């Protein structure tokens, strides 16, 4: 079974495959930073007590204290989702006898400003058994913004294409293109950016270079216009009057 191999540099291989036809590759890129619309996070409340009722009561007390302090900090009750039930599990000692109970509850908060996030951290730090977990950012406009950035990258390619065509006397016909997406998802531990996403779009278009045909020149006459017969005769005979 016969095989075919192409040796040489990538540029040489490309030139061979394209049969030496003139090509040019133009690249356009654009970028912006998208801010998070909201941030959603969970607040875990835990408590230990000798009985299950006491453990559940401690959870209720800490939940009430947390909500009151958050409201005083400007975080309204409507931004918090409080579960209906508390998880309670027994704690065992060295034997099979129950030595106490552990209770836990998970609240959900939806924040729209970084100040609220910082205030929530300050409040939870002052209450024992309360911690923050599962921080997630919501970027509701990300899809539309990415379309805009990609459109701007395409416009930059077309602008360069027009410049080359106007100044080099050629026509560029698109053959193929490749798109690169540079969107970076933020880390929940990256507090300095607070949900900012750098959105980047890049597109590379391969064009065929077609030389423009020269415009044919209009024909010009080299023969002087003929004179009328009478004017010619008078010019030859100065005695004729």
Foldseek 3Di string as FASTA:
>chain_A
DDDDDDDDDPVVVVCVVVVNFDKDKFKFKFKDKAAFQKKKWKKKAKDKDQEQVVRVVVSVVLVVQLQVQLVVQPFHPVQKDWDPDKDKDFDDDPDPDTRIIMIMTMMMGIGRDVSSVVSSVVSQVVDPRMDMDDMDTHRPCVVVVLVVRQVNRVVVRVVVQVVCCVPVQKHWAWDDKDKDWDWDFDDPPPSVRNGMIMTMIMMMTMTGIGHHDDDDDDDDDPDDDDDDPVVVVCVVDVPDD
